[in-house]
Amino acid sequence: MIIDLTDTDTPSISKRLSREREATGFSALGRVLTLVVIARADDEARAIATAVAASQEHPMRVLVLIPQPEADADRLDAQLRLGNDTGASEVIVMRALGAVASALDTIVIGLLLPDAPVVLWLANGDVDAPLGSLAELAARRVSDVGRCGDPVGSLLDAARAYRPGDTDLAWSQISVLRAQLAATLDQPPHLTVTAAALTGSPNSPEFLLLSAWLALRLGVPVAMHDSTSSLPVSEVRLTRPDGDIVLCGDPAAGMSRLTLPGLPEQQLPLTQRTEAECLSEELRRLDQDRVFGEVLRSGLPLILEAQGDDDDA
């Protein structure tokens, strides 16, 4: 069921939502959180589809805000999506036109589920969006710097503005890869890694965050090499006294190849995940991700400084 409301306000949206629930039997009970999504007008379909897919694991109310300050009119248009159109969620799409776009927090507050945590997803990739009290209300704030024109600059902006509860979908994208590398290093003979090298796309946030994580956790220099692969990270090489540990992605086969000194090659599932899978992972925890904060604030400067030194040389 899709219901359009033109030139409306928050109380009217809330009343119409209550009326439709009474008429159809839809219930807000069982919703575990409110997901507030900031999206672009030209990208709302992707953002909504991703949120609806994530709701299969996390039943929730989804509030999609599409700020359009350049619009001539000053009004709020809304669309209610209920039932089969929304999976395990209820979706309210709101287009804030003109001056209304400067007060996104006041639009949202009256539509939050009572006694349920709030997660904010910046699906438009804008880590500097003016959010008002929305940033304070949200237990988690999920950015997506990969959708910015300058992922490196956006990561640096995110590092400067970091507060507990912040995370990014690029960090979720490499969580399986990080787990594979950690599990490999946990195996005997437990030798010290003396150097690390990554091959992939140095301008991708996944590449930068994985490099920063390795530099911070291993305390070794991380060499970064460009490649033509479609993967953000196509190869990870960790050097130990007994030889190199190599994890190499093979997009064509949909597999990763893991080579350890003195052992046969192992094949593992490729670690690329969908956007909905990454968002679902971030919705599983509502406490702060301390490791991400350390990598963003301490690890990222390490690898960017080393990268700058290499460029100067």
Foldseek 3Di string as FASTA:
>chain_A
DKDKDWQDAQVVVVVVVVVVCVVPVDDPPPQQFEEEEEAEPVCVVVVQVLVLLLCLVGQHEYEYEHEAQVAPDQGKIWMWDDDPRRHSYTYIYIYGYHPSSLPVVVRCPSPTDPPHAYEYEHPQQDPPDPDPCPVVRHLAYEGEVQNPPQSLVSLLVCLVVPDFRYDYLLVLLCPVVVVVVVVVCVDPPNFQFAEKEWEADVRGPNLLLVLLLCCVPRVHHYHYHYDPDPDRTAWMWTAGPLGIWIWGDDVVVQWIWTDDRPDDIDIHGDSGDDSSVSVSVSVVDSGGDVSSSCSSNPSNVVNVVVVVVVVVD
